[in-house]
Amino acid sequence: MKRIPKQLKRSILNNLVTAGPLTSSQLAERVQDDDTVPTVYQKNPRQMAFILKRLCREDDRMKMVEIGRNGKLPNGTDRFRIAFAVDEQLTKEDIEAEVDEERKEKMKQITVNLPSECVEYLTEWKSESNLSPGRVFELLIKADIEANGSPASDPASKTKQ
């Protein structure tokens, strides 16, 4: 599933903390007025409802609140309007800290040409331990650094060049 952008999540939670329970259309308007959210992440009310329902499933502090009934469906089940809210204990500082905490370590990508026996080795690792080839490289390099130290910190490696 596609992840929810940090700016959008931060804006949604901040609006819910300050204003209390809001419907998806009210939140969509507030997010569109928020200058910190890029226009690419601004959603219409229907898209916002989808995102908010997903946030409710993922985050225990966020909940759906029934604000009114809209009649009945042909099969007999009730229709109702939903607003979204967060716990009263949640503050803006908690939101900022949590969203900033989600940042992952920046990774760089490289392309490596390998002989066939190395590719077979990586395939065996994947089948046995379910690790991607990139993760296997990362583990091997970290083990080498742990055993031999980093080449940048070794004064002998600078004189060889």
N, C-alpha and C. Protein backbone atom coordinates (compact mmCIF):
# COMPACT_ATOMS: atom_id res chain seq x y z
N MET A 1 0.84 -1.17 0.00
CA MET A 1 0.00 0.00 0.00
C MET A 1 0.89 1.24 0.00
N LYS A 2 0.47 2.24 -0.71
CA LYS A 2 1.24 3.47 -0.82
C LYS A 2 1.22 4.22 0.51
N ARG A 3 2.37 4.73 0.91
CA ARG A 3 2.44 5.41 2.21
C ARG A 3 1.85 6.81 2.12
N ILE A 4 1.41 7.30 3.26
CA ILE A 4 0.83 8.65 3.33
C ILE A 4 1.97 9.64 3.53
N PRO A 5 2.08 10.67 2.69
CA PRO A 5 3.18 11.64 2.81
C PRO A 5 3.19 12.32 4.18
N LYS A 6 4.41 12.61 4.67
CA LYS A 6 4.57 13.19 6.00
C LYS A 6 3.88 14.54 6.14
N GLN A 7 4.01 15.40 5.12
CA GLN A 7 3.40 16.73 5.20
C GLN A 7 1.88 16.61 5.32
N LEU A 8 1.29 15.69 4.55
CA LEU A 8 -0.16 15.50 4.59
C LEU A 8 -0.60 14.95 5.94
N LYS A 9 0.12 13.95 6.44
CA LYS A 9 -0.23 13.35 7.73
C LYS A 9 -0.11 14.38 8.85
N ARG A 10 0.96 15.17 8.82
CA ARG A 10 1.18 16.20 9.84
C ARG A 10 0.04 17.23 9.80
N SER A 11 -0.35 17.65 8.60
CA SER A 11 -1.42 18.64 8.47
C SER A 11 -2.75 18.08 8.97
N ILE A 12 -3.07 16.85 8.62
CA ILE A 12 -4.32 16.22 9.06
C ILE A 12 -4.36 16.14 10.58
N LEU A 13 -3.31 15.61 11.19
CA LEU A 13 -3.30 15.46 12.64
C LEU A 13 -3.33 16.81 13.36
N ASN A 14 -2.59 17.80 12.85
CA ASN A 14 -2.61 19.13 13.47
C ASN A 14 -4.01 19.74 13.41
N ASN A 15 -4.70 19.60 12.28
CA ASN A 15 -6.06 20.13 12.16
C ASN A 15 -7.02 19.43 13.10
N LEU A 16 -6.86 18.12 13.26
CA LEU A 16 -7.75 17.38 14.16
C LEU A 16 -7.48 17.74 15.62
N VAL A 17 -6.22 18.00 15.96
CA VAL A 17 -5.90 18.38 17.34
C VAL A 17 -6.48 19.75 17.67
N THR A 18 -6.35 20.70 16.74
CA THR A 18 -6.81 22.07 17.03
C THR A 18 -8.32 22.22 16.92
N ALA A 19 -8.97 21.56 15.97
CA ALA A 19 -10.39 21.80 15.71
C ALA A 19 -11.31 20.73 16.25
N GLY A 20 -10.80 19.60 16.67
CA GLY A 20 -11.67 18.53 17.13
C GLY A 20 -12.17 17.69 15.97
N PRO A 21 -13.28 16.96 16.15
CA PRO A 21 -13.78 16.09 15.08
C PRO A 21 -14.15 16.87 13.82
N LEU A 22 -13.67 16.40 12.67
CA LEU A 22 -13.96 17.04 11.38
C LEU A 22 -14.34 15.97 10.36
N THR A 23 -15.19 16.35 9.41
CA THR A 23 -15.54 15.45 8.32
C THR A 23 -14.43 15.49 7.27
N SER A 24 -14.49 14.58 6.33
CA SER A 24 -13.45 14.52 5.30
C SER A 24 -13.46 15.78 4.43
N SER A 25 -14.63 16.34 4.15
CA SER A 25 -14.70 17.56 3.33
C SER A 25 -14.11 18.76 4.09
N GLN A 26 -14.39 18.86 5.39
CA GLN A 26 -13.82 19.94 6.18
C GLN A 26 -12.29 19.82 6.24
N LEU A 27 -11.81 18.60 6.43
CA LEU A 27 -10.36 18.39 6.47
C LEU A 27 -9.72 18.66 5.12
N ALA A 28 -10.39 18.27 4.03
CA ALA A 28 -9.84 18.52 2.70
C ALA A 28 -9.67 20.02 2.47
N GLU A 29 -10.66 20.81 2.90
CA GLU A 29 -10.57 22.27 2.75
C GLU A 29 -9.41 22.84 3.56
N ARG A 30 -9.26 22.36 4.79
CA ARG A 30 -8.19 22.87 5.65
C ARG A 30 -6.81 22.48 5.14
N VAL A 31 -6.70 21.27 4.60
CA VAL A 31 -5.41 20.84 4.05
C VAL A 31 -5.07 21.65 2.80
N GLN A 32 -6.07 21.97 1.99
CA GLN A 32 -5.82 22.79 0.80
C GLN A 32 -5.40 24.20 1.16
N ASP A 33 -5.86 24.70 2.31
CA ASP A 33 -5.47 26.04 2.77
C ASP A 33 -4.11 26.03 3.47
N ASP A 34 -3.59 24.86 3.80
CA ASP A 34 -2.31 24.74 4.52
C ASP A 34 -1.15 24.94 3.54
N ASP A 35 -0.30 25.93 3.81
CA ASP A 35 0.83 26.23 2.91
C ASP A 35 1.95 25.21 3.00
N THR A 36 2.01 24.42 4.08
CA THR A 36 3.10 23.46 4.25
C THR A 36 2.89 22.20 3.42
N VAL A 37 1.66 22.00 2.94
CA VAL A 37 1.36 20.80 2.14
C VAL A 37 1.48 21.15 0.66
N PRO A 38 2.36 20.45 -0.10
CA PRO A 38 2.47 20.70 -1.53
C PRO A 38 1.14 20.41 -2.25
N THR A 39 0.91 21.09 -3.35
CA THR A 39 -0.35 20.92 -4.08
C THR A 39 -0.55 19.50 -4.58
N VAL A 40 0.53 18.78 -4.79
CA VAL A 40 0.44 17.39 -5.26
C VAL A 40 -0.26 16.51 -4.22
N TYR A 41 -0.07 16.83 -2.93
CA TYR A 41 -0.64 16.02 -1.85
C TYR A 41 -2.03 16.45 -1.44
N GLN A 42 -2.55 17.55 -1.99
CA GLN A 42 -3.87 18.01 -1.62
C GLN A 42 -4.91 17.11 -2.29
N LYS A 43 -5.91 16.72 -1.52
CA LYS A 43 -6.89 15.73 -1.98
C LYS A 43 -8.30 16.30 -1.95
N ASN A 44 -9.17 15.71 -2.77
CA ASN A 44 -10.59 16.08 -2.71
C ASN A 44 -11.22 15.31 -1.54
N PRO A 45 -12.45 15.65 -1.13
CA PRO A 45 -13.04 15.01 0.05
C PRO A 45 -13.14 13.48 -0.03
N ARG A 46 -13.41 12.95 -1.20
CA ARG A 46 -13.53 11.49 -1.32
C ARG A 46 -12.17 10.82 -1.12
N GLN A 47 -11.12 11.39 -1.72
CA GLN A 47 -9.77 10.86 -1.53
C GLN A 47 -9.35 11.01 -0.07
N MET A 48 -9.72 12.14 0.54
CA MET A 48 -9.37 12.39 1.93
C MET A 48 -10.05 11.36 2.83
N ALA A 49 -11.28 11.00 2.54
CA ALA A 49 -11.99 9.98 3.34
C ALA A 49 -11.24 8.66 3.30
N PHE A 50 -10.76 8.29 2.12
CA PHE A 50 -10.00 7.05 1.98
C PHE A 50 -8.73 7.09 2.84
N ILE A 51 -8.02 8.21 2.78
CA ILE A 51 -6.78 8.37 3.56
C ILE A 51 -7.09 8.35 5.06
N LEU A 52 -8.15 9.03 5.46
CA LEU A 52 -8.50 9.10 6.88
C LEU A 52 -8.91 7.73 7.43
N LYS A 53 -9.66 6.96 6.66
CA LYS A 53 -10.04 5.62 7.11
C LYS A 53 -8.80 4.74 7.27
N ARG A 54 -7.85 4.91 6.37
CA ARG A 54 -6.59 4.15 6.47
C ARG A 54 -5.80 4.58 7.71
N LEU A 55 -5.75 5.88 7.97
CA LEU A 55 -5.08 6.37 9.17
C LEU A 55 -5.73 5.82 10.44
N CYS A 56 -7.06 5.71 10.44
CA CYS A 56 -7.76 5.15 11.60
C CYS A 56 -7.37 3.69 11.83
N ARG A 57 -7.20 2.94 10.75
CA ARG A 57 -6.80 1.54 10.90
C ARG A 57 -5.37 1.42 11.40
N GLU A 58 -4.47 2.32 10.93
CA GLU A 58 -3.06 2.22 11.27
C GLU A 58 -2.71 2.83 12.63
N ASP A 59 -3.42 3.88 13.03
CA ASP A 59 -3.08 4.63 14.24
C ASP A 59 -4.18 4.46 15.27
N ASP A 60 -3.84 3.92 16.44
CA ASP A 60 -4.83 3.66 17.49
C ASP A 60 -5.38 4.95 18.10
N ARG A 61 -4.65 6.04 18.01
CA ARG A 61 -5.07 7.29 18.63
C ARG A 61 -6.10 8.03 17.79
N MET A 62 -6.30 7.61 16.57
CA MET A 62 -7.27 8.27 15.69
C MET A 62 -8.52 7.40 15.61
N LYS A 63 -9.70 8.05 15.61
CA LYS A 63 -10.94 7.28 15.61
C LYS A 63 -12.00 7.94 14.74
N MET A 64 -12.99 7.12 14.32
CA MET A 64 -14.13 7.62 13.57
C MET A 64 -15.27 7.87 14.55
N VAL A 65 -15.96 9.00 14.36
CA VAL A 65 -17.07 9.37 15.23
C VAL A 65 -18.31 9.53 14.37
N GLU A 66 -19.39 8.88 14.77
CA GLU A 66 -20.65 9.00 14.03
C GLU A 66 -21.32 10.32 14.44
N ILE A 67 -21.61 11.17 13.44
CA ILE A 67 -22.20 12.48 13.78
C ILE A 67 -23.65 12.62 13.34
N GLY A 68 -24.18 11.67 12.61
CA GLY A 68 -25.58 11.75 12.21
C GLY A 68 -25.97 10.59 11.32
N ARG A 69 -27.28 10.36 11.22
CA ARG A 69 -27.78 9.29 10.36
C ARG A 69 -28.38 9.90 9.09
N ASN A 70 -28.18 9.22 7.97
CA ASN A 70 -28.66 9.70 6.67
C ASN A 70 -29.72 8.79 6.07
N GLY A 71 -30.45 8.07 6.87
CA GLY A 71 -31.47 7.19 6.33
C GLY A 71 -31.00 5.75 6.26
N LYS A 72 -31.65 4.99 5.37
CA LYS A 72 -31.32 3.57 5.24
C LYS A 72 -30.99 3.23 3.80
N LEU A 73 -30.11 2.24 3.66
CA LEU A 73 -29.80 1.69 2.34
C LEU A 73 -30.91 0.73 1.95
N PRO A 74 -31.03 0.37 0.64
CA PRO A 74 -32.09 -0.56 0.22
C PRO A 74 -32.04 -1.92 0.93
N ASN A 75 -30.86 -2.33 1.39
CA ASN A 75 -30.76 -3.62 2.07
C ASN A 75 -31.09 -3.53 3.56
N GLY A 76 -31.41 -2.32 4.06
CA GLY A 76 -31.85 -2.18 5.43
C GLY A 76 -30.81 -1.65 6.41
N THR A 77 -29.55 -1.55 6.00
CA THR A 77 -28.54 -1.03 6.92
C THR A 77 -28.60 0.50 6.95
N ASP A 78 -28.24 1.04 8.09
CA ASP A 78 -28.28 2.49 8.27
C ASP A 78 -27.11 3.16 7.56
N ARG A 79 -27.39 4.36 7.01
CA ARG A 79 -26.33 5.23 6.49
C ARG A 79 -26.05 6.26 7.56
N PHE A 80 -24.80 6.62 7.73
CA PHE A 80 -24.49 7.64 8.72
C PHE A 80 -23.29 8.46 8.29
N ARG A 81 -23.23 9.67 8.82
CA ARG A 81 -22.11 10.59 8.53
C ARG A 81 -21.02 10.33 9.54
N ILE A 82 -19.78 10.40 9.06
CA ILE A 82 -18.63 10.12 9.91
C ILE A 82 -17.74 11.36 10.00
N ALA A 83 -17.26 11.62 11.20
CA ALA A 83 -16.23 12.62 11.43
C ALA A 83 -15.01 11.88 11.99
N PHE A 84 -13.88 12.49 11.89
CA PHE A 84 -12.65 11.88 12.36
C PHE A 84 -12.08 12.72 13.50
N ALA A 85 -11.54 12.05 14.51
CA ALA A 85 -11.01 12.75 15.68
C ALA A 85 -9.77 12.02 16.18
N VAL A 86 -9.02 12.71 17.04
CA VAL A 86 -7.85 12.10 17.69
C VAL A 86 -8.06 12.17 19.20
N ASP A 87 -7.25 11.40 19.93
CA ASP A 87 -7.32 11.42 21.39
C ASP A 87 -7.05 12.82 21.92
N GLU A 88 -7.69 13.13 23.04
CA GLU A 88 -7.53 14.46 23.64
C GLU A 88 -6.12 14.68 24.18
N GLN A 89 -5.41 13.60 24.52
CA GLN A 89 -4.07 13.73 25.08
C GLN A 89 -3.03 14.10 24.02
N LEU A 90 -3.35 13.92 22.76
CA LEU A 90 -2.39 14.18 21.68
C LEU A 90 -2.19 15.69 21.50
N THR A 91 -0.93 16.12 21.46
CA THR A 91 -0.61 17.53 21.27
C THR A 91 0.14 17.73 19.97
N LYS A 92 0.27 18.99 19.56
CA LYS A 92 1.01 19.29 18.32
C LYS A 92 2.47 18.87 18.44
N GLU A 93 3.05 19.02 19.63
CA GLU A 93 4.46 18.64 19.83
C GLU A 93 4.64 17.14 19.63
N ASP A 94 3.67 16.34 20.12
CA ASP A 94 3.73 14.88 19.92
C ASP A 94 3.70 14.53 18.44
N ILE A 95 2.86 15.24 17.69
CA ILE A 95 2.72 14.98 16.26
C ILE A 95 4.03 15.29 15.54
N GLU A 96 4.62 16.45 15.83
CA GLU A 96 5.88 16.85 15.19
C GLU A 96 6.97 15.83 15.48
N ALA A 97 7.07 15.41 16.75
CA ALA A 97 8.11 14.45 17.14
C ALA A 97 7.89 13.11 16.45
N GLU A 98 6.63 12.67 16.38
CA GLU A 98 6.34 11.37 15.78
C GLU A 98 6.62 11.35 14.28
N VAL A 99 6.19 12.38 13.57
CA VAL A 99 6.38 12.42 12.12
C VAL A 99 7.87 12.55 11.79
N ASP A 100 8.61 13.34 12.59
CA ASP A 100 10.04 13.46 12.36
C ASP A 100 10.76 12.15 12.67
N GLU A 101 10.24 11.38 13.63
CA GLU A 101 10.85 10.11 14.01
C GLU A 101 10.74 9.09 12.88
N GLU A 102 9.72 9.25 12.02
CA GLU A 102 9.49 8.29 10.95
C GLU A 102 10.52 8.38 9.83
N ARG A 103 11.32 9.44 9.83
CA ARG A 103 12.30 9.59 8.76
C ARG A 103 13.28 8.43 8.77
N LYS A 104 13.51 7.90 7.61
CA LYS A 104 14.42 6.78 7.49
C LYS A 104 15.79 7.27 7.10
N GLU A 105 16.76 6.44 7.38
CA GLU A 105 18.13 6.74 7.01
C GLU A 105 18.22 6.84 5.49
N LYS A 106 18.90 7.87 4.99
CA LYS A 106 19.02 8.04 3.54
C LYS A 106 19.93 6.96 2.98
N MET A 107 19.48 6.30 1.95
CA MET A 107 20.25 5.25 1.29
C MET A 107 20.64 5.74 -0.09
N LYS A 108 21.77 5.26 -0.58
CA LYS A 108 22.19 5.57 -1.94
C LYS A 108 22.15 4.29 -2.76
N GLN A 109 21.91 4.44 -4.02
CA GLN A 109 21.77 3.29 -4.89
C GLN A 109 22.97 3.20 -5.81
N ILE A 110 23.49 1.98 -5.99
CA ILE A 110 24.58 1.74 -6.93
C ILE A 110 24.22 0.55 -7.81
N THR A 111 24.87 0.45 -8.95
CA THR A 111 24.69 -0.68 -9.84
C THR A 111 25.99 -1.47 -9.86
N VAL A 112 25.88 -2.78 -9.71
CA VAL A 112 27.07 -3.63 -9.63
C VAL A 112 26.95 -4.73 -10.67
N ASN A 113 28.00 -4.93 -11.46
CA ASN A 113 28.07 -6.05 -12.39
C ASN A 113 28.84 -7.17 -11.72
N LEU A 114 28.24 -8.36 -11.67
CA LEU A 114 28.84 -9.48 -10.95
C LEU A 114 28.95 -10.71 -11.86
N PRO A 115 29.94 -11.56 -11.57
CA PRO A 115 30.00 -12.84 -12.29
C PRO A 115 28.85 -13.75 -11.86
N SER A 116 28.60 -14.78 -12.64
CA SER A 116 27.43 -15.64 -12.40
C SER A 116 27.49 -16.35 -11.05
N GLU A 117 28.69 -16.75 -10.58
CA GLU A 117 28.74 -17.45 -9.28
C GLU A 117 28.36 -16.51 -8.13
N CYS A 118 28.64 -15.23 -8.26
CA CYS A 118 28.22 -14.27 -7.23
C CYS A 118 26.71 -14.09 -7.24
N VAL A 119 26.13 -14.07 -8.43
CA VAL A 119 24.68 -13.94 -8.54
C VAL A 119 24.01 -15.18 -7.94
N GLU A 120 24.58 -16.36 -8.18
CA GLU A 120 24.04 -17.59 -7.59
C GLU A 120 24.12 -17.53 -6.06
N TYR A 121 25.23 -17.00 -5.54
CA TYR A 121 25.40 -16.84 -4.10
C TYR A 121 24.29 -15.96 -3.52
N LEU A 122 24.01 -14.85 -4.21
CA LEU A 122 22.95 -13.95 -3.75
C LEU A 122 21.57 -14.62 -3.82
N THR A 123 21.36 -15.43 -4.84
CA THR A 123 20.08 -16.14 -4.98
C THR A 123 19.90 -17.15 -3.85
N GLU A 124 20.98 -17.82 -3.47
CA GLU A 124 20.91 -18.77 -2.35
C GLU A 124 20.58 -18.03 -1.05
N TRP A 125 21.23 -16.90 -0.83
CA TRP A 125 20.95 -16.11 0.36
C TRP A 125 19.48 -15.72 0.41
N LYS A 126 18.96 -15.30 -0.75
CA LYS A 126 17.56 -14.87 -0.81
C LYS A 126 16.63 -16.02 -0.48
N SER A 127 16.90 -17.21 -1.02
CA SER A 127 16.01 -18.34 -0.77
C SER A 127 16.11 -18.84 0.67
N GLU A 128 17.29 -18.78 1.28
CA GLU A 128 17.47 -19.28 2.64
C GLU A 128 17.01 -18.28 3.70
N SER A 129 17.36 -17.02 3.53
CA SER A 129 17.09 -16.05 4.60
C SER A 129 16.11 -14.96 4.20
N ASN A 130 15.60 -15.03 2.97
CA ASN A 130 14.63 -14.05 2.48
C ASN A 130 15.17 -12.61 2.56
N LEU A 131 16.43 -12.43 2.26
CA LEU A 131 17.05 -11.10 2.23
C LEU A 131 17.26 -10.67 0.78
N SER A 132 17.06 -9.41 0.51
CA SER A 132 17.30 -8.90 -0.83
C SER A 132 18.80 -8.84 -1.10
N PRO A 133 19.22 -8.84 -2.37
CA PRO A 133 20.66 -8.73 -2.67
C PRO A 133 21.29 -7.49 -2.07
N GLY A 134 20.59 -6.38 -2.07
CA GLY A 134 21.12 -5.15 -1.49
C GLY A 134 21.38 -5.31 0.00
N ARG A 135 20.45 -5.96 0.69
CA ARG A 135 20.60 -6.20 2.13
C ARG A 135 21.77 -7.14 2.40
N VAL A 136 21.98 -8.15 1.53
CA VAL A 136 23.12 -9.07 1.68
C VAL A 136 24.43 -8.29 1.54
N PHE A 137 24.50 -7.42 0.52
CA PHE A 137 25.70 -6.58 0.35
C PHE A 137 25.93 -5.73 1.59
N GLU A 138 24.86 -5.13 2.10
CA GLU A 138 24.98 -4.28 3.29
C GLU A 138 25.54 -5.07 4.47
N LEU A 139 25.03 -6.29 4.68
CA LEU A 139 25.50 -7.12 5.80
C LEU A 139 26.96 -7.51 5.61
N LEU A 140 27.34 -7.87 4.37
CA LEU A 140 28.73 -8.26 4.11
C LEU A 140 29.68 -7.09 4.32
N ILE A 141 29.30 -5.92 3.86
CA ILE A 141 30.16 -4.73 4.02
C ILE A 141 30.27 -4.35 5.49
N LYS A 142 29.15 -4.39 6.22
CA LYS A 142 29.20 -4.07 7.65
C LYS A 142 30.07 -5.07 8.41
N ALA A 143 29.99 -6.36 8.04
CA ALA A 143 30.83 -7.37 8.69
C ALA A 143 32.30 -7.11 8.38
N ASP A 144 32.61 -6.71 7.14
CA ASP A 144 33.99 -6.41 6.77
C ASP A 144 34.49 -5.19 7.54
N ILE A 145 33.68 -4.16 7.66
CA ILE A 145 34.07 -2.97 8.41
C ILE A 145 34.30 -3.31 9.88
N GLU A 146 33.44 -4.18 10.43
CA GLU A 146 33.58 -4.59 11.82
C GLU A 146 34.86 -5.38 12.03
N ALA A 147 35.19 -6.24 11.06
CA ALA A 147 36.38 -7.07 11.20
C ALA A 147 37.67 -6.32 10.89
N ASN A 148 37.66 -5.52 9.84
CA ASN A 148 38.89 -4.88 9.36
C ASN A 148 38.94 -3.38 9.57
N GLY A 149 37.85 -2.79 9.98
CA GLY A 149 37.81 -1.35 10.12
C GLY A 149 37.47 -0.69 8.79
N SER A 150 37.16 0.59 8.86
CA SER A 150 36.81 1.34 7.66
C SER A 150 38.07 1.75 6.92
N PRO A 151 38.09 1.67 5.59
CA PRO A 151 39.28 2.08 4.84
C PRO A 151 39.60 3.57 5.03
N ALA A 152 38.61 4.38 5.26
CA ALA A 152 38.85 5.81 5.44
C ALA A 152 39.58 6.10 6.75
N SER A 153 39.40 5.24 7.76
CA SER A 153 40.05 5.47 9.05
C SER A 153 41.41 4.79 9.14
N ASP A 154 41.77 3.98 8.14
CA ASP A 154 43.05 3.26 8.15
C ASP A 154 44.13 4.11 7.50
N PRO A 155 45.18 4.56 8.26
CA PRO A 155 46.22 5.41 7.67
C PRO A 155 47.08 4.66 6.63
N ALA A 156 47.18 3.35 6.71
CA ALA A 156 47.99 2.60 5.76
C ALA A 156 47.35 2.61 4.37
N SER A 157 46.02 2.68 4.30
CA SER A 157 45.36 2.65 3.00
C SER A 157 45.59 3.95 2.24
N LYS A 158 45.83 5.06 2.93
CA LYS A 158 46.05 6.33 2.26
C LYS A 158 47.43 6.37 1.61
N THR A 159 48.41 5.72 2.19
CA THR A 159 49.77 5.72 1.64
C THR A 159 49.89 4.81 0.45
N LYS A 160 49.05 3.79 0.31
CA LYS A 160 49.11 2.87 -0.81
C LYS A 160 48.65 3.52 -2.11
N GLN A 161 47.84 4.53 -2.01
CA GLN A 161 47.28 5.15 -3.22
C GLN A 161 48.22 6.07 -3.84
